[in-house]
Amino acid sequence: MFQVNGLNWRISLVEPHSHMLRRSDRSYTVGMCDRTEQTIYVSSALQGEFLRKVLIHEVCHSAMMSYGIIMSIEQEELFCDLIATYGDEIFEIADRVFAALNQNRIVA
């Protein structure tokens, strides 16, 4: 269990063909964020870096829901994919720059 903006969210591993992973078009996905249940459902078949990427993607959805951020589903998917795919690089660069800026302020 984890919290975002004071809301409790759960993560549940489910079988790859669980109804919880079925989209409205009847196809299956590997992860799903359910606002009503405040639960992220993830296929139990996932592992390694792909599992991590799916978890980041779905946690991003839960954060958007928890903070009331509204976008079209296409925009939300692109945003969550951006964070899941490139977030480590973005945050690493920002942390390096931030540390350098803070070091220069202390020394100067």
N, C-alpha and C. Protein backbone atom coordinates (compact mmCIF):
# COMPACT_ATOMS: atom_id res chain seq x y z
N MET A 1 0.85 -1.18 0.00
CA MET A 1 0.00 0.00 0.00
C MET A 1 0.89 1.23 0.00
N PHE A 2 0.44 2.28 -0.67
CA PHE A 2 1.14 3.55 -0.69
C PHE A 2 0.12 4.67 -0.72
N GLN A 3 0.58 5.87 -0.39
CA GLN A 3 -0.31 7.03 -0.38
C GLN A 3 0.13 8.06 -1.41
N VAL A 4 -0.85 8.69 -2.02
CA VAL A 4 -0.62 9.83 -2.90
C VAL A 4 -1.65 10.88 -2.51
N ASN A 5 -1.16 12.04 -2.11
CA ASN A 5 -2.03 13.14 -1.71
C ASN A 5 -3.07 12.71 -0.65
N GLY A 6 -2.62 11.87 0.28
CA GLY A 6 -3.48 11.43 1.36
C GLY A 6 -4.42 10.29 1.02
N LEU A 7 -4.40 9.82 -0.21
CA LEU A 7 -5.26 8.70 -0.62
C LEU A 7 -4.46 7.40 -0.62
N ASN A 8 -5.06 6.35 -0.06
CA ASN A 8 -4.41 5.04 -0.03
C ASN A 8 -4.64 4.30 -1.33
N TRP A 9 -3.57 3.77 -1.88
CA TRP A 9 -3.62 2.96 -3.09
C TRP A 9 -3.01 1.60 -2.80
N ARG A 10 -3.54 0.58 -3.46
CA ARG A 10 -3.02 -0.77 -3.34
C ARG A 10 -2.48 -1.22 -4.69
N ILE A 11 -1.58 -2.17 -4.65
CA ILE A 11 -1.10 -2.83 -5.87
C ILE A 11 -1.44 -4.30 -5.75
N SER A 12 -2.06 -4.82 -6.80
CA SER A 12 -2.49 -6.21 -6.80
C SER A 12 -1.94 -6.90 -8.05
N LEU A 13 -1.18 -7.98 -7.85
CA LEU A 13 -0.74 -8.80 -8.97
C LEU A 13 -1.87 -9.75 -9.34
N VAL A 14 -2.19 -9.78 -10.62
CA VAL A 14 -3.29 -10.63 -11.09
C VAL A 14 -2.82 -11.45 -12.28
N GLU A 15 -3.55 -12.51 -12.57
CA GLU A 15 -3.23 -13.35 -13.72
C GLU A 15 -3.30 -12.53 -15.00
N PRO A 16 -2.48 -12.87 -16.00
CA PRO A 16 -2.43 -12.09 -17.24
C PRO A 16 -3.77 -11.90 -17.95
N HIS A 17 -4.69 -12.84 -17.80
CA HIS A 17 -5.99 -12.71 -18.45
C HIS A 17 -7.12 -12.42 -17.46
N SER A 18 -6.75 -11.75 -16.36
CA SER A 18 -7.74 -11.32 -15.38
C SER A 18 -8.66 -10.27 -16.00
N HIS A 19 -9.91 -10.29 -15.59
CA HIS A 19 -10.85 -9.27 -16.07
C HIS A 19 -10.41 -7.86 -15.66
N MET A 20 -9.56 -7.75 -14.63
CA MET A 20 -9.08 -6.45 -14.17
C MET A 20 -8.09 -5.84 -15.16
N LEU A 21 -7.58 -6.63 -16.08
CA LEU A 21 -6.63 -6.14 -17.08
C LEU A 21 -7.28 -6.01 -18.46
N ARG A 22 -8.60 -6.10 -18.51
CA ARG A 22 -9.31 -6.01 -19.78
C ARG A 22 -9.75 -4.58 -20.05
N ARG A 23 -9.40 -4.10 -21.21
CA ARG A 23 -9.78 -2.74 -21.64
C ARG A 23 -11.21 -2.74 -22.15
N SER A 24 -11.70 -1.54 -22.40
CA SER A 24 -13.08 -1.40 -22.90
C SER A 24 -13.25 -2.02 -24.29
N ASP A 25 -12.16 -2.13 -25.06
CA ASP A 25 -12.25 -2.75 -26.39
C ASP A 25 -12.08 -4.27 -26.33
N ARG A 26 -12.06 -4.81 -25.10
CA ARG A 26 -11.98 -6.24 -24.80
C ARG A 26 -10.56 -6.82 -24.93
N SER A 27 -9.58 -6.01 -25.29
CA SER A 27 -8.19 -6.49 -25.34
C SER A 27 -7.62 -6.45 -23.92
N TYR A 28 -6.52 -7.15 -23.74
CA TYR A 28 -5.87 -7.18 -22.43
C TYR A 28 -4.66 -6.26 -22.41
N THR A 29 -4.37 -5.73 -21.24
CA THR A 29 -3.19 -4.90 -21.04
C THR A 29 -2.36 -5.53 -19.93
N VAL A 30 -1.22 -4.94 -19.60
CA VAL A 30 -0.36 -5.52 -18.57
C VAL A 30 -0.49 -4.80 -17.23
N GLY A 31 -1.13 -3.63 -17.25
CA GLY A 31 -1.35 -2.88 -16.01
C GLY A 31 -2.55 -1.99 -16.14
N MET A 32 -3.24 -1.78 -15.04
CA MET A 32 -4.45 -0.96 -15.05
C MET A 32 -4.58 -0.25 -13.71
N CYS A 33 -4.93 1.02 -13.75
CA CYS A 33 -5.14 1.81 -12.54
C CYS A 33 -6.63 2.05 -12.39
N ASP A 34 -7.22 1.54 -11.32
CA ASP A 34 -8.66 1.64 -11.08
C ASP A 34 -8.93 2.72 -10.04
N ARG A 35 -9.49 3.83 -10.49
CA ARG A 35 -9.79 4.97 -9.61
C ARG A 35 -10.79 4.60 -8.53
N THR A 36 -11.83 3.85 -8.89
CA THR A 36 -12.89 3.50 -7.95
C THR A 36 -12.37 2.64 -6.81
N GLU A 37 -11.57 1.64 -7.15
CA GLU A 37 -11.03 0.72 -6.14
C GLU A 37 -9.73 1.24 -5.51
N GLN A 38 -9.18 2.34 -6.09
CA GLN A 38 -7.88 2.85 -5.69
C GLN A 38 -6.85 1.72 -5.63
N THR A 39 -6.84 0.97 -6.74
CA THR A 39 -5.96 -0.19 -6.85
C THR A 39 -5.30 -0.20 -8.23
N ILE A 40 -4.03 -0.53 -8.23
CA ILE A 40 -3.30 -0.75 -9.47
C ILE A 40 -3.21 -2.25 -9.65
N TYR A 41 -3.67 -2.73 -10.80
CA TYR A 41 -3.60 -4.15 -11.14
C TYR A 41 -2.48 -4.35 -12.14
N VAL A 42 -1.60 -5.31 -11.85
CA VAL A 42 -0.45 -5.59 -12.71
C VAL A 42 -0.40 -7.08 -12.99
N SER A 43 -0.10 -7.42 -14.24
CA SER A 43 0.02 -8.82 -14.62
C SER A 43 1.14 -9.50 -13.84
N SER A 44 0.83 -10.65 -13.29
CA SER A 44 1.82 -11.43 -12.54
C SER A 44 2.89 -12.03 -13.45
N ALA A 45 2.71 -11.94 -14.76
CA ALA A 45 3.69 -12.48 -15.71
C ALA A 45 4.88 -11.53 -15.91
N LEU A 46 4.76 -10.30 -15.45
CA LEU A 46 5.81 -9.31 -15.67
C LEU A 46 6.95 -9.49 -14.69
N GLN A 47 8.14 -9.10 -15.13
CA GLN A 47 9.30 -9.12 -14.25
C GLN A 47 10.36 -8.15 -14.75
N GLY A 48 11.35 -7.93 -13.94
CA GLY A 48 12.49 -7.11 -14.33
C GLY A 48 12.13 -5.67 -14.65
N GLU A 49 12.88 -5.11 -15.60
CA GLU A 49 12.73 -3.71 -15.96
C GLU A 49 11.36 -3.39 -16.55
N PHE A 50 10.75 -4.35 -17.26
CA PHE A 50 9.43 -4.08 -17.81
C PHE A 50 8.40 -3.95 -16.70
N LEU A 51 8.51 -4.79 -15.67
CA LEU A 51 7.62 -4.67 -14.50
C LEU A 51 7.80 -3.30 -13.86
N ARG A 52 9.04 -2.86 -13.70
CA ARG A 52 9.31 -1.54 -13.11
C ARG A 52 8.68 -0.43 -13.95
N LYS A 53 8.84 -0.51 -15.27
CA LYS A 53 8.27 0.51 -16.16
C LYS A 53 6.75 0.55 -16.04
N VAL A 54 6.11 -0.61 -16.01
CA VAL A 54 4.65 -0.66 -15.88
C VAL A 54 4.22 -0.09 -14.54
N LEU A 55 4.93 -0.42 -13.46
CA LEU A 55 4.59 0.11 -12.14
C LEU A 55 4.71 1.64 -12.13
N ILE A 56 5.78 2.18 -12.68
CA ILE A 56 5.95 3.63 -12.72
C ILE A 56 4.80 4.26 -13.51
N HIS A 57 4.47 3.67 -14.66
CA HIS A 57 3.39 4.18 -15.50
C HIS A 57 2.07 4.22 -14.73
N GLU A 58 1.75 3.14 -14.05
CA GLU A 58 0.47 3.07 -13.33
C GLU A 58 0.47 3.95 -12.09
N VAL A 59 1.60 4.05 -11.39
CA VAL A 59 1.68 4.96 -10.23
C VAL A 59 1.50 6.40 -10.71
N CYS A 60 2.01 6.72 -11.88
CA CYS A 60 1.80 8.05 -12.46
C CYS A 60 0.30 8.31 -12.65
N HIS A 61 -0.43 7.31 -13.17
CA HIS A 61 -1.89 7.46 -13.30
C HIS A 61 -2.52 7.71 -11.93
N SER A 62 -2.09 6.94 -10.92
CA SER A 62 -2.69 7.11 -9.59
C SER A 62 -2.41 8.50 -9.03
N ALA A 63 -1.23 9.04 -9.30
CA ALA A 63 -0.90 10.39 -8.84
C ALA A 63 -1.80 11.41 -9.53
N MET A 64 -2.00 11.26 -10.82
CA MET A 64 -2.85 12.19 -11.55
C MET A 64 -4.28 12.15 -11.01
N MET A 65 -4.78 10.96 -10.75
CA MET A 65 -6.12 10.81 -10.20
C MET A 65 -6.20 11.41 -8.79
N SER A 66 -5.17 11.16 -7.98
CA SER A 66 -5.17 11.63 -6.60
C SER A 66 -5.10 13.14 -6.50
N TYR A 67 -4.46 13.78 -7.45
CA TYR A 67 -4.33 15.23 -7.44
C TYR A 67 -5.36 15.93 -8.33
N GLY A 68 -6.27 15.14 -8.91
CA GLY A 68 -7.34 15.72 -9.72
C GLY A 68 -6.85 16.32 -11.03
N ILE A 69 -5.78 15.79 -11.58
CA ILE A 69 -5.25 16.28 -12.85
C ILE A 69 -6.03 15.62 -13.98
N ILE A 70 -6.66 16.43 -14.80
CA ILE A 70 -7.53 15.93 -15.86
C ILE A 70 -6.89 16.21 -17.22
N MET A 71 -6.75 15.17 -18.01
CA MET A 71 -6.26 15.27 -19.40
C MET A 71 -7.09 14.29 -20.22
N SER A 72 -6.98 14.42 -21.52
CA SER A 72 -7.58 13.39 -22.37
C SER A 72 -6.82 12.09 -22.10
N ILE A 73 -7.44 10.97 -22.36
CA ILE A 73 -6.78 9.68 -22.11
C ILE A 73 -5.51 9.56 -22.95
N GLU A 74 -5.53 10.11 -24.16
CA GLU A 74 -4.33 10.05 -25.02
C GLU A 74 -3.19 10.85 -24.41
N GLN A 75 -3.48 12.05 -23.91
CA GLN A 75 -2.46 12.87 -23.28
C GLN A 75 -1.94 12.21 -22.00
N GLU A 76 -2.86 11.66 -21.22
CA GLU A 76 -2.46 11.01 -19.97
C GLU A 76 -1.55 9.83 -20.25
N GLU A 77 -1.88 9.03 -21.24
CA GLU A 77 -1.04 7.88 -21.59
C GLU A 77 0.35 8.34 -22.04
N LEU A 78 0.41 9.38 -22.85
CA LEU A 78 1.71 9.91 -23.30
C LEU A 78 2.53 10.41 -22.11
N PHE A 79 1.89 11.13 -21.20
CA PHE A 79 2.58 11.66 -20.03
C PHE A 79 3.12 10.52 -19.16
N CYS A 80 2.28 9.53 -18.88
CA CYS A 80 2.71 8.41 -18.03
C CYS A 80 3.83 7.61 -18.70
N ASP A 81 3.75 7.45 -20.03
CA ASP A 81 4.82 6.77 -20.77
C ASP A 81 6.11 7.57 -20.70
N LEU A 82 6.02 8.90 -20.81
CA LEU A 82 7.21 9.74 -20.72
C LEU A 82 7.91 9.54 -19.38
N ILE A 83 7.15 9.60 -18.31
CA ILE A 83 7.73 9.43 -16.97
C ILE A 83 8.31 8.02 -16.81
N ALA A 84 7.57 7.01 -17.24
CA ALA A 84 8.03 5.63 -17.08
C ALA A 84 9.27 5.32 -17.92
N THR A 85 9.36 5.94 -19.09
CA THR A 85 10.47 5.64 -19.99
C THR A 85 11.69 6.52 -19.75
N TYR A 86 11.47 7.81 -19.51
CA TYR A 86 12.59 8.75 -19.43
C TYR A 86 12.74 9.43 -18.08
N GLY A 87 11.88 9.09 -17.11
CA GLY A 87 11.91 9.75 -15.81
C GLY A 87 13.24 9.63 -15.10
N ASP A 88 13.86 8.45 -15.12
CA ASP A 88 15.15 8.29 -14.44
C ASP A 88 16.18 9.26 -15.00
N GLU A 89 16.24 9.38 -16.32
CA GLU A 89 17.19 10.28 -16.95
C GLU A 89 16.89 11.74 -16.60
N ILE A 90 15.62 12.12 -16.69
CA ILE A 90 15.20 13.49 -16.38
C ILE A 90 15.56 13.86 -14.95
N PHE A 91 15.23 12.98 -13.99
CA PHE A 91 15.49 13.29 -12.58
C PHE A 91 16.98 13.26 -12.27
N GLU A 92 17.74 12.38 -12.92
CA GLU A 92 19.18 12.32 -12.69
C GLU A 92 19.84 13.62 -13.15
N ILE A 93 19.44 14.12 -14.31
CA ILE A 93 19.99 15.39 -14.81
C ILE A 93 19.60 16.53 -13.88
N ALA A 94 18.33 16.61 -13.53
CA ALA A 94 17.87 17.68 -12.63
C ALA A 94 18.58 17.62 -11.29
N ASP A 95 18.78 16.42 -10.74
CA ASP A 95 19.48 16.29 -9.45
C ASP A 95 20.93 16.75 -9.55
N ARG A 96 21.60 16.40 -10.66
CA ARG A 96 22.99 16.83 -10.87
C ARG A 96 23.08 18.35 -10.97
N VAL A 97 22.21 18.95 -11.76
CA VAL A 97 22.21 20.40 -11.93
C VAL A 97 21.87 21.08 -10.61
N PHE A 98 20.88 20.56 -9.91
CA PHE A 98 20.48 21.12 -8.62
C PHE A 98 21.64 21.08 -7.62
N ALA A 99 22.34 19.94 -7.55
CA ALA A 99 23.48 19.81 -6.64
C ALA A 99 24.58 20.81 -7.00
N ALA A 100 24.84 20.96 -8.30
CA ALA A 100 25.87 21.90 -8.74
C ALA A 100 25.47 23.34 -8.40
N LEU A 101 24.21 23.68 -8.63
CA LEU A 101 23.74 25.02 -8.30
C LEU A 101 23.85 25.30 -6.81
N ASN A 102 23.46 24.32 -6.00
CA ASN A 102 23.53 24.49 -4.54
C ASN A 102 24.98 24.59 -4.08
N GLN A 103 25.87 23.82 -4.68
CA GLN A 103 27.28 23.86 -4.30
C GLN A 103 27.87 25.23 -4.65
N ASN A 104 27.51 25.76 -5.81
CA ASN A 104 28.02 27.08 -6.21
C ASN A 104 27.50 28.18 -5.30
N ARG A 105 26.29 28.06 -4.80
CA ARG A 105 25.73 29.08 -3.90
C ARG A 105 26.44 29.06 -2.56
N ILE A 106 26.82 27.87 -2.10
CA ILE A 106 27.49 27.75 -0.80
C ILE A 106 28.92 28.29 -0.90
N VAL A 107 29.59 27.96 -2.01
CA VAL A 107 30.99 28.37 -2.19
C VAL A 107 31.08 29.85 -2.50
N ALA A 108 30.19 30.36 -3.30
CA ALA A 108 30.28 31.76 -3.79
C ALA A 108 30.05 32.78 -2.72
